[in-house]
PDB file of N, CA and C in Angstrom:
ATOM      1  N   UNK A   1    -140.185 -43.020 213.847  1.00  0.00           N
ATOM      2  CA  UNK A   1    -141.128 -42.995 212.652  1.00  0.00           C
ATOM      3  C   UNK A   1    -141.985 -44.239 212.615  1.00  0.00           C
ATOM      4  N   UNK A   2    -143.362 -44.185 212.390  1.00  0.00           N
ATOM      5  CA  UNK A   2    -144.130 -45.337 212.105  1.00  0.00           C
ATOM      6  C   UNK A   2    -143.592 -46.316 210.839  1.00  0.00           C
ATOM      7  N   UNK A   3    -143.747 -47.412 210.971  1.00  0.00           N
ATOM      8  CA  UNK A   3    -143.383 -48.236 209.747  1.00  0.00           C
ATOM      9  C   UNK A   3    -144.610 -48.653 208.812  1.00  0.00           C
ATOM     10  N   UNK A   4    -144.839 -47.492 207.729  1.00  0.00           N
ATOM     11  CA  UNK A   4    -145.817 -47.580 207.097  1.00  0.00           C
ATOM     12  C   UNK A   4    -146.152 -48.760 206.212  1.00  0.00           C
ATOM     13  N   UNK A   5    -144.967 -49.490 205.756  1.00  0.00           N
ATOM     14  CA  UNK A   5    -144.876 -50.587 205.134  1.00  0.00           C
ATOM     15  C   UNK A   5    -145.875 -51.732 205.634  1.00  0.00           C
ATOM     16  N   UNK A   6    -145.386 -52.013 207.070  1.00  0.00           N
ATOM     17  CA  UNK A   6    -146.134 -53.097 207.735  1.00  0.00           C
ATOM     18  C   UNK A   6    -147.491 -52.633 208.046  1.00  0.00           C
ATOM     19  N   UNK A   7    -147.885 -51.551 208.223  1.00  0.00           N
ATOM     20  CA  UNK A   7    -149.129 -51.135 208.406  1.00  0.00           C
ATOM     21  C   UNK A   7    -150.003 -51.415 207.212  1.00  0.00           C
ATOM     22  N   UNK A   8    -149.531 -51.028 206.089  1.00  0.00           N
ATOM     23  CA  UNK A   8    -150.390 -51.280 204.796  1.00  0.00           C
ATOM     24  C   UNK A   8    -150.122 -52.794 204.372  1.00  0.00           C
ATOM     25  N   UNK A   9    -149.120 -53.425 204.647  1.00  0.00           N
ATOM     26  CA  UNK A   9    -149.218 -55.026 204.338  1.00  0.00           C
ATOM     27  C   UNK A   9    -150.205 -55.646 205.264  1.00  0.00           C
ATOM     28  N   UNK A  10    -150.597 -55.341 206.404  1.00  0.00           N
ATOM     29  CA  UNK A  10    -151.559 -55.824 207.337  1.00  0.00           C
ATOM     30  C   UNK A  10    -152.925 -55.336 207.039  1.00  0.00           C
ATOM     31  N   UNK A  11    -153.233 -54.323 206.131  1.00  0.00           N
ATOM     32  CA  UNK A  11    -154.500 -53.829 205.726  1.00  0.00           C
ATOM     33  C   UNK A  11    -155.252 -54.719 205.074  1.00  0.00           C
ATOM     34  N   UNK A  12    -156.672 -55.101 205.348  1.00  0.00           N
ATOM     35  CA  UNK A  12    -157.563 -56.226 204.949  1.00  0.00           C
ATOM     36  C   UNK A  12    -158.582 -55.483 204.641  1.00  0.00           C
ATOM     37  N   UNK A  13    -159.079 -55.293 203.525  1.00  0.00           N
ATOM     38  CA  UNK A  13    -160.438 -54.688 203.004  1.00  0.00           C
ATOM     39  C   UNK A  13    -160.917 -55.564 201.728  1.00  0.00           C
ATOM     40  N   UNK A  14    -162.504 -55.358 201.676  1.00  0.00           N
ATOM     41  CA  UNK A  14    -163.042 -56.077 200.810  1.00  0.00           C
ATOM     42  C   UNK A  14    -162.404 -55.913 199.249  1.00  0.00           C
ATOM     43  N   UNK A  15    -162.294 -57.056 198.723  1.00  0.00           N
ATOM     44  CA  UNK A  15    -161.537 -57.084 197.322  1.00  0.00           C
ATOM     45  C   UNK A  15    -161.948 -56.159 196.333  1.00  0.00           C
ATOM     46  N   UNK A  16    -163.477 -55.701 196.371  1.00  0.00           N
ATOM     47  CA  UNK A  16    -163.797 -54.975 195.408  1.00  0.00           C
ATOM     48  C   UNK A  16    -163.428 -53.489 195.762  1.00  0.00           C
ATOM     49  N   UNK A  17    -163.353 -53.087 196.954  1.00  0.00           N
ATOM     50  CA  UNK A  17    -162.728 -51.669 197.337  1.00  0.00           C
ATOM     51  C   UNK A  17    -161.235 -51.715 196.861  1.00  0.00           C
ATOM     52  N   UNK A  18    -160.485 -52.572 197.315  1.00  0.00           N
ATOM     53  CA  UNK A  18    -158.901 -52.463 196.844  1.00  0.00           C
ATOM     54  C   UNK A  18    -159.067 -52.516 195.337  1.00  0.00           C
ATOM     55  N   UNK A  19    -159.752 -53.264 194.560  1.00  0.00           N
ATOM     56  CA  UNK A  19    -159.846 -53.278 192.912  1.00  0.00           C
ATOM     57  C   UNK A  19    -160.075 -51.857 192.668  1.00  0.00           C
ATOM     58  N   UNK A  20    -161.017 -51.181 193.268  1.00  0.00           N
ATOM     59  CA  UNK A  20    -161.482 -50.051 192.670  1.00  0.00           C
ATOM     60  C   UNK A  20    -160.152 -48.901 192.917  1.00  0.00           C
ATOM     61  N   UNK A  21    -159.678 -48.962 194.092  1.00  0.00           N
ATOM     62  CA  UNK A  21    -158.635 -48.211 194.363  1.00  0.00           C
ATOM     63  C   UNK A  21    -157.342 -48.494 193.345  1.00  0.00           C
ATOM     64  N   UNK A  22    -156.998 -49.630 193.024  1.00  0.00           N
ATOM     65  CA  UNK A  22    -156.009 -50.020 192.232  1.00  0.00           C
ATOM     66  C   UNK A  22    -156.355 -49.417 190.945  1.00  0.00           C
ATOM     67  N   UNK A  23    -157.449 -49.416 190.526  1.00  0.00           N
ATOM     68  CA  UNK A  23    -157.676 -48.832 189.279  1.00  0.00           C
ATOM     69  C   UNK A  23    -157.913 -47.444 188.900  1.00  0.00           C
ATOM     70  N   UNK A  24    -157.932 -46.858 190.202  1.00  0.00           N
ATOM     71  CA  UNK A  24    -157.900 -45.319 190.192  1.00  0.00           C
ATOM     72  C   UNK A  24    -156.333 -44.753 190.304  1.00  0.00           C
ATOM     73  N   UNK A  25    -155.549 -45.687 190.624  1.00  0.00           N
ATOM     74  CA  UNK A  25    -154.347 -45.163 190.598  1.00  0.00           C
ATOM     75  C   UNK A  25    -153.723 -44.584 189.403  1.00  0.00           C
ATOM     76  N   UNK A  26    -154.363 -45.079 188.117  1.00  0.00           N
ATOM     77  CA  UNK A  26    -153.697 -44.577 186.913  1.00  0.00           C
ATOM     78  C   UNK A  26    -154.240 -43.113 186.707  1.00  0.00           C
ATOM     79  N   UNK A  27    -155.252 -42.645 187.357  1.00  0.00           N
ATOM     80  CA  UNK A  27    -155.769 -41.574 187.203  1.00  0.00           C
ATOM     81  C   UNK A  27    -155.310 -40.404 188.268  1.00  0.00           C
ATOM     82  N   UNK A  28    -154.521 -40.772 189.346  1.00  0.00           N
ATOM     83  CA  UNK A  28    -154.281 -40.069 190.482  1.00  0.00           C
ATOM     84  C   UNK A  28    -153.242 -39.034 190.075  1.00  0.00           C
ATOM     85  N   UNK A  29    -153.430 -37.835 190.327  1.00  0.00           N
ATOM     86  CA  UNK A  29    -152.608 -36.634 190.280  1.00  0.00           C
ATOM     87  C   UNK A  29    -152.316 -36.078 191.539  1.00  0.00           C
ATOM     88  N   UNK A  30    -151.063 -36.226 191.895  1.00  0.00           N
ATOM     89  CA  UNK A  30    -150.807 -35.659 193.325  1.00  0.00           C
ATOM     90  C   UNK A  30    -151.146 -34.321 193.459  1.00  0.00           C
ATOM     91  N   UNK A  31    -150.652 -33.524 192.576  1.00  0.00           N
ATOM     92  CA  UNK A  31    -151.109 -31.837 192.920  1.00  0.00           C
ATOM     93  C   UNK A  31    -152.401 -31.751 192.979  1.00  0.00           C
ATOM     94  N   UNK A  32    -153.285 -32.224 192.187  1.00  0.00           N
ATOM     95  CA  UNK A  32    -154.789 -31.834 192.129  1.00  0.00           C
ATOM     96  C   UNK A  32    -155.443 -32.738 193.323  1.00  0.00           C
ATOM     97  N   UNK A  33    -155.135 -34.004 193.366  1.00  0.00           N
ATOM     98  CA  UNK A  33    -156.139 -34.824 194.375  1.00  0.00           C
ATOM     99  C   UNK A  33    -155.525 -34.868 195.724  1.00  0.00           C
ATOM    100  N   UNK A  34    -154.394 -34.865 196.113  1.00  0.00           N
ATOM    101  CA  UNK A  34    -153.817 -35.041 197.419  1.00  0.00           C
ATOM    102  C   UNK A  34    -154.738 -33.900 198.291  1.00  0.00           C
ATOM    103  N   UNK A  35    -154.489 -32.558 197.742  1.00  0.00           N
ATOM    104  CA  UNK A  35    -155.093 -31.613 198.379  1.00  0.00           C
ATOM    105  C   UNK A  35    -156.528 -31.613 198.632  1.00  0.00           C
ATOM    106  N   UNK A  36    -157.107 -31.948 197.810  1.00  0.00           N
ATOM    107  CA  UNK A  36    -158.574 -32.117 197.881  1.00  0.00           C
ATOM    108  C   UNK A  36    -158.991 -33.324 198.805  1.00  0.00           C
ATOM    109  N   UNK A  37    -158.330 -34.367 198.919  1.00  0.00           N
ATOM    110  CA  UNK A  37    -158.438 -35.531 199.938  1.00  0.00           C
ATOM    111  C   UNK A  37    -158.245 -35.228 201.185  1.00  0.00           C
ATOM    112  N   UNK A  38    -156.879 -34.543 201.373  1.00  0.00           N
ATOM    113  CA  UNK A  38    -156.507 -34.256 202.798  1.00  0.00           C
ATOM    114  C   UNK A  38    -157.243 -32.897 203.340  1.00  0.00           C
ATOM    115  N   UNK A  39    -157.865 -32.218 202.486  1.00  0.00           N
ATOM    116  CA  UNK A  39    -158.607 -30.769 202.796  1.00  0.00           C
ATOM    117  C   UNK A  39    -157.546 -29.880 203.170  1.00  0.00           C
ATOM    118  N   UNK A  40    -156.691 -29.631 202.266  1.00  0.00           N
ATOM    119  CA  UNK A  40    -155.465 -28.709 202.435  1.00  0.00           C
ATOM    120  C   UNK A  40    -155.240 -27.981 201.368  1.00  0.00           C
ATOM    121  N   UNK A  41    -154.866 -26.397 201.566  1.00  0.00           N
ATOM    122  CA  UNK A  41    -154.519 -25.598 200.631  1.00  0.00           C
ATOM    123  C   UNK A  41    -153.153 -26.037 200.049  1.00  0.00           C
ATOM    124  N   UNK A  42    -152.233 -26.525 200.731  1.00  0.00           N
ATOM    125  CA  UNK A  42    -150.915 -27.019 200.124  1.00  0.00           C
ATOM    126  C   UNK A  42    -150.631 -28.360 200.118  1.00  0.00           C
ATOM    127  N   UNK A  43    -149.790 -28.670 199.346  1.00  0.00           N
ATOM    128  CA  UNK A  43    -149.412 -30.105 199.102  1.00  0.00           C
ATOM    129  C   UNK A  43    -148.344 -30.458 200.178  1.00  0.00           C
ATOM    130  N   UNK A  44    -148.743 -31.652 200.992  1.00  0.00           N
ATOM    131  CA  UNK A  44    -147.861 -32.048 202.080  1.00  0.00           C
ATOM    132  C   UNK A  44    -146.799 -33.130 201.659  1.00  0.00           C
ATOM    133  N   UNK A  45    -145.701 -33.503 202.369  1.00  0.00           N
ATOM    134  CA  UNK A  45    -144.952 -34.409 202.143  1.00  0.00           C
ATOM    135  C   UNK A  45    -145.425 -35.696 202.216  1.00  0.00           C
ATOM    136  N   UNK A  46    -145.037 -36.699 201.645  1.00  0.00           N
ATOM    137  CA  UNK A  46    -145.388 -38.131 201.412  1.00  0.00           C
ATOM    138  C   UNK A  46    -145.698 -38.690 202.799  1.00  0.00           C
ATOM    139  N   UNK A  47    -144.564 -38.498 203.694  1.00  0.00           N
ATOM    140  CA  UNK A  47    -144.674 -39.036 205.038  1.00  0.00           C
ATOM    141  C   UNK A  47    -145.847 -38.534 205.929  1.00  0.00           C
ATOM    142  N   UNK A  48    -145.963 -37.300 205.733  1.00  0.00           N
ATOM    143  CA  UNK A  48    -147.356 -36.861 206.436  1.00  0.00           C
ATOM    144  C   UNK A  48    -148.440 -37.162 205.896  1.00  0.00           C
ATOM    145  N   UNK A  49    -148.539 -37.289 204.513  1.00  0.00           N
ATOM    146  CA  UNK A  49    -149.844 -37.561 203.647  1.00  0.00           C
ATOM    147  C   UNK A  49    -150.278 -39.218 203.933  1.00  0.00           C
ATOM    148  N   UNK A  50    -149.104 -40.058 204.121  1.00  0.00           N
ATOM    149  CA  UNK A  50    -149.391 -41.517 204.280  1.00  0.00           C
ATOM    150  C   UNK A  50    -150.128 -41.388 205.705  1.00  0.00           C
ATOM    151  N   UNK A  51    -149.427 -40.722 206.819  1.00  0.00           N
ATOM    152  CA  UNK A  51    -149.925 -40.818 208.054  1.00  0.00           C
ATOM    153  C   UNK A  51    -151.232 -40.357 208.205  1.00  0.00           C
ATOM    154  N   UNK A  52    -151.644 -39.159 207.427  1.00  0.00           N
ATOM    155  CA  UNK A  52    -152.972 -38.613 207.474  1.00  0.00           C
ATOM    156  C   UNK A  52    -153.857 -39.734 207.053  1.00  0.00           C
ATOM    157  N   UNK A  53    -153.667 -40.301 205.835  1.00  0.00           N
ATOM    158  CA  UNK A  53    -154.560 -41.022 205.025  1.00  0.00           C
ATOM    159  C   UNK A  53    -154.572 -42.388 205.759  1.00  0.00           C
ATOM    160  N   UNK A  54    -153.713 -43.033 206.526  1.00  0.00           N
ATOM    161  CA  UNK A  54    -153.838 -44.171 207.315  1.00  0.00           C
ATOM    162  C   UNK A  54    -154.839 -43.758 208.278  1.00  0.00           C
ATOM    163  N   UNK A  55    -154.843 -42.891 208.831  1.00  0.00           N
ATOM    164  CA  UNK A  55    -155.721 -42.556 210.109  1.00  0.00           C
ATOM    165  C   UNK A  55    -157.083 -42.242 209.527  1.00  0.00           C
ATOM    166  N   UNK A  56    -157.291 -41.733 208.404  1.00  0.00           N
ATOM    167  CA  UNK A  56    -158.496 -41.261 207.878  1.00  0.00           C
ATOM    168  C   UNK A  56    -159.212 -42.541 207.255  1.00  0.00           C
ATOM    169  N   UNK A  57    -158.389 -43.473 206.756  1.00  0.00           N
ATOM    170  CA  UNK A  57    -159.037 -44.562 206.267  1.00  0.00           C
ATOM    171  C   UNK A  57    -159.227 -45.581 207.288  1.00  0.00           C
ATOM    172  N   UNK A  58    -158.606 -45.787 208.279  1.00  0.00           N
ATOM    173  CA  UNK A  58    -158.957 -46.502 209.659  1.00  0.00           C
ATOM    174  C   UNK A  58    -160.375 -46.009 210.067  1.00  0.00           C
ATOM    175  N   UNK A  59    -160.606 -44.689 210.126  1.00  0.00           N
ATOM    176  CA  UNK A  59    -162.007 -43.949 210.571  1.00  0.00           C
ATOM    177  C   UNK A  59    -163.151 -44.377 209.698  1.00  0.00           C
ATOM    178  N   UNK A  60    -162.788 -44.270 208.240  1.00  0.00           N
ATOM    179  CA  UNK A  60    -163.743 -44.595 207.376  1.00  0.00           C
ATOM    180  C   UNK A  60    -164.294 -45.994 207.268  1.00  0.00           C
ATOM    181  N   UNK A  61    -163.063 -47.220 207.544  1.00  0.00           N
ATOM    182  CA  UNK A  61    -163.425 -48.285 207.533  1.00  0.00           C
ATOM    183  C   UNK A  61    -164.201 -48.822 208.810  1.00  0.00           C
ATOM    184  N   UNK A  62    -163.959 -47.989 209.888  1.00  0.00           N
ATOM    185  CA  UNK A  62    -164.900 -48.084 211.040  1.00  0.00           C
ATOM    186  C   UNK A  62    -166.297 -47.869 210.841  1.00  0.00           C
ATOM    187  N   UNK A  63    -166.228 -46.741 210.112  1.00  0.00           N
ATOM    188  CA  UNK A  63    -167.756 -46.263 209.863  1.00  0.00           C
ATOM    189  C   UNK A  63    -168.427 -47.417 208.924  1.00  0.00           C
ATOM    190  N   UNK A  64    -167.720 -47.864 208.009  1.00  0.00           N
ATOM    191  CA  UNK A  64    -168.433 -48.862 207.071  1.00  0.00           C
ATOM    192  C   UNK A  64    -168.762 -49.949 207.746  1.00  0.00           C
ATOM    193  N   UNK A  65    -167.947 -50.501 208.435  1.00  0.00           N
ATOM    194  CA  UNK A  65    -168.373 -51.642 209.275  1.00  0.00           C
ATOM    195  C   UNK A  65    -169.545 -51.481 210.332  1.00  0.00           C
ATOM    196  N   UNK A  66    -169.704 -50.416 210.835  1.00  0.00           N
ATOM    197  CA  UNK A  66    -170.816 -50.112 211.677  1.00  0.00           C
ATOM    198  C   UNK A  66    -171.988 -49.737 210.692  1.00  0.00           C
ATOM    199  N   UNK A  67    -172.044 -49.729 209.542  1.00  0.00           N
ATOM    200  CA  UNK A  67    -172.981 -49.509 208.653  1.00  0.00           C
ATOM    201  C   UNK A  67    -173.538 -48.091 208.743  1.00  0.00           C
ATOM    202  N   UNK A  68    -172.866 -47.225 209.320  1.00  0.00           N
ATOM    203  CA  UNK A  68    -173.414 -45.747 209.452  1.00  0.00           C
ATOM    204  C   UNK A  68    -173.710 -44.993 208.321  1.00  0.00           C
ATOM    205  N   UNK A  69    -174.716 -44.126 208.465  1.00  0.00           N
ATOM    206  CA  UNK A  69    -175.428 -43.715 207.232  1.00  0.00           C
ATOM    207  C   UNK A  69    -174.341 -42.395 206.642  1.00  0.00           C
ATOM    208  N   UNK A  70    -173.288 -41.961 207.497  1.00  0.00           N
ATOM    209  CA  UNK A  70    -172.616 -40.920 206.830  1.00  0.00           C
ATOM    210  C   UNK A  70    -171.306 -41.524 206.210  1.00  0.00           C
ATOM    211  N   UNK A  71    -171.513 -43.032 206.201  1.00  0.00           N
ATOM    212  CA  UNK A  71    -170.127 -43.447 205.263  1.00  0.00           C
ATOM    213  C   UNK A  71    -170.489 -43.150 203.766  1.00  0.00           C
ATOM    214  N   UNK A  72    -169.125 -42.834 203.190  1.00  0.00           N
ATOM    215  CA  UNK A  72    -169.055 -42.410 201.946  1.00  0.00           C
ATOM    216  C   UNK A  72    -168.192 -43.320 201.222  1.00  0.00           C
ATOM    217  N   UNK A  73    -168.670 -44.201 200.266  1.00  0.00           N
ATOM    218  CA  UNK A  73    -167.912 -45.252 199.471  1.00  0.00           C
ATOM    219  C   UNK A  73    -166.975 -44.407 198.448  1.00  0.00           C
ATOM    220  N   UNK A  74    -167.511 -43.565 198.049  1.00  0.00           N
ATOM    221  CA  UNK A  74    -166.631 -42.677 196.981  1.00  0.00           C
ATOM    222  C   UNK A  74    -165.361 -42.131 197.658  1.00  0.00           C
ATOM    223  N   UNK A  75    -165.753 -41.360 198.800  1.00  0.00           N
ATOM    224  CA  UNK A  75    -164.516 -40.884 199.583  1.00  0.00           C
ATOM    225  C   UNK A  75    -163.645 -42.021 200.187  1.00  0.00           C
ATOM    226  N   UNK A  76    -164.120 -43.097 200.610  1.00  0.00           N
ATOM    227  CA  UNK A  76    -163.232 -43.959 200.975  1.00  0.00           C
ATOM    228  C   UNK A  76    -162.327 -44.704 199.830  1.00  0.00           C
ATOM    229  N   UNK A  77    -162.957 -44.718 198.587  1.00  0.00           N
ATOM    230  CA  UNK A  77    -162.023 -45.267 197.610  1.00  0.00           C
ATOM    231  C   UNK A  77    -161.016 -44.009 197.315  1.00  0.00           C
ATOM    232  N   UNK A  78    -161.507 -42.801 197.262  1.00  0.00           N
ATOM    233  CA  UNK A  78    -160.502 -41.665 196.949  1.00  0.00           C
ATOM    234  C   UNK A  78    -159.145 -41.855 198.024  1.00  0.00           C
ATOM    235  N   UNK A  79    -159.776 -41.985 199.369  1.00  0.00           N
ATOM    236  CA  UNK A  79    -158.550 -41.960 200.296  1.00  0.00           C
ATOM    237  C   UNK A  79    -157.579 -43.257 199.992  1.00  0.00           C
ATOM    238  N   UNK A  80    -158.267 -44.258 199.582  1.00  0.00           N
ATOM    239  CA  UNK A  80    -157.460 -45.488 199.289  1.00  0.00           C
ATOM    240  C   UNK A  80    -156.563 -45.468 198.152  1.00  0.00           C
ATOM    241  N   UNK A  81    -156.893 -44.804 197.201  1.00  0.00           N
ATOM    242  CA  UNK A  81    -156.101 -44.441 196.019  1.00  0.00           C
ATOM    243  C   UNK A  81    -154.986 -43.534 196.383  1.00  0.00           C
ATOM    244  N   UNK A  82    -155.306 -42.345 197.147  1.00  0.00           N
ATOM    245  CA  UNK A  82    -154.239 -41.675 197.532  1.00  0.00           C
ATOM    246  C   UNK A  82    -153.419 -42.243 198.480  1.00  0.00           C
ATOM    247  N   UNK A  83    -153.707 -43.157 199.481  1.00  0.00           N
ATOM    248  CA  UNK A  83    -152.928 -43.918 200.346  1.00  0.00           C
ATOM    249  C   UNK A  83    -151.963 -44.792 199.439  1.00  0.00           C
ATOM    250  N   UNK A  84    -152.512 -45.445 198.462  1.00  0.00           N
ATOM    251  CA  UNK A  84    -151.504 -46.375 197.776  1.00  0.00           C
ATOM    252  C   UNK A  84    -150.679 -45.765 196.990  1.00  0.00           C
ATOM    253  N   UNK A  85    -151.060 -44.558 196.104  1.00  0.00           N
ATOM    254  CA  UNK A  85    -150.133 -43.793 195.529  1.00  0.00           C
ATOM    255  C   UNK A  85    -149.011 -43.079 196.428  1.00  0.00           C
ATOM    256  N   UNK A  86    -149.230 -42.399 197.562  1.00  0.00           N
ATOM    257  CA  UNK A  86    -148.465 -41.948 198.375  1.00  0.00           C
ATOM    258  C   UNK A  86    -147.493 -42.711 198.863  1.00  0.00           C
ATOM    259  N   UNK A  87    -147.959 -44.010 199.291  1.00  0.00           N
ATOM    260  CA  UNK A  87    -147.117 -45.115 199.784  1.00  0.00           C
ATOM    261  C   UNK A  87    -146.103 -45.626 198.956  1.00  0.00           C
ATOM    262  N   UNK A  88    -146.592 -45.481 197.680  1.00  0.00           N
ATOM    263  CA  UNK A  88    -145.561 -45.775 196.574  1.00  0.00           C
ATOM    264  C   UNK A  88    -144.310 -44.830 196.388  1.00  0.00           C
ATOM    265  N   UNK A  89    -144.763 -43.738 196.655  1.00  0.00           N
ATOM    266  CA  UNK A  89    -143.658 -42.713 196.736  1.00  0.00           C
ATOM    267  C   UNK A  89    -142.678 -43.066 197.670  1.00  0.00           C
ATOM    268  N   UNK A  90    -142.992 -43.616 198.894  1.00  0.00           N
ATOM    269  CA  UNK A  90    -142.021 -43.884 200.020  1.00  0.00           C
ATOM    270  C   UNK A  90    -141.599 -45.268 199.725  1.00  0.00           C
ATOM    271  N   UNK A  91    -142.045 -45.990 199.260  1.00  0.00           N
ATOM    272  CA  UNK A  91    -141.683 -47.667 199.174  1.00  0.00           C
ATOM    273  C   UNK A  91    -141.435 -48.223 197.785  1.00  0.00           C
ATOM    274  N   UNK A  92    -141.834 -47.564 196.814  1.00  0.00           N
ATOM    275  CA  UNK A  92    -141.705 -47.943 195.442  1.00  0.00           C
ATOM    276  C   UNK A  92    -142.959 -48.711 194.968  1.00  0.00           C
ATOM    277  N   UNK A  93    -142.916 -49.164 193.771  1.00  0.00           N
ATOM    278  CA  UNK A  93    -144.080 -49.696 193.223  1.00  0.00           C
ATOM    279  C   UNK A  93    -144.577 -51.061 193.711  1.00  0.00           C
ATOM    280  N   UNK A  94    -143.545 -51.779 194.523  1.00  0.00           N
ATOM    281  CA  UNK A  94    -144.015 -53.288 194.743  1.00  0.00           C
ATOM    282  C   UNK A  94    -145.021 -53.404 195.955  1.00  0.00           C
ATOM    283  N   UNK A  95    -145.421 -52.197 196.543  1.00  0.00           N
ATOM    284  CA  UNK A  95    -146.264 -52.422 197.684  1.00  0.00           C
ATOM    285  C   UNK A  95    -147.549 -53.026 197.324  1.00  0.00           C
ATOM    286  N   UNK A  96    -148.092 -53.992 198.253  1.00  0.00           N
ATOM    287  CA  UNK A  96    -149.272 -54.835 197.940  1.00  0.00           C
ATOM    288  C   UNK A  96    -150.298 -54.761 199.084  1.00  0.00           C
ATOM    289  N   UNK A  97    -151.416 -54.448 198.677  1.00  0.00           N
ATOM    290  CA  UNK A  97    -152.418 -54.457 199.793  1.00  0.00           C
ATOM    291  C   UNK A  97    -153.505 -55.146 199.342  1.00  0.00           C
ATOM    292  N   UNK A  98    -154.016 -56.167 200.399  1.00  0.00           N
ATOM    293  CA  UNK A  98    -155.138 -57.151 199.808  1.00  0.00           C
ATOM    294  C   UNK A  98    -156.448 -56.850 200.528  1.00  0.00           C
TER     295      UNK A  98
END
């Protein structure tokens, strides 16, 4: 199994993006938001969710850095919120991303 904790610990994103994601954690509702973000009709296990969200976020970060027109800041923040919330289910609340 992939070590999600080390992947997330090495994640480096702009401060404002991480701040927005952290603020959004308070309103995250797994049953409502996760299905929308992963575009699924059923709720998936935290391990699968984190794996999907890491891949989706990496793709968005690449798009952001390239300055591509299809980049969505709102979706990127949504994915980061879900990633932080789902990772907390696996690791506990002490996870830190900078």
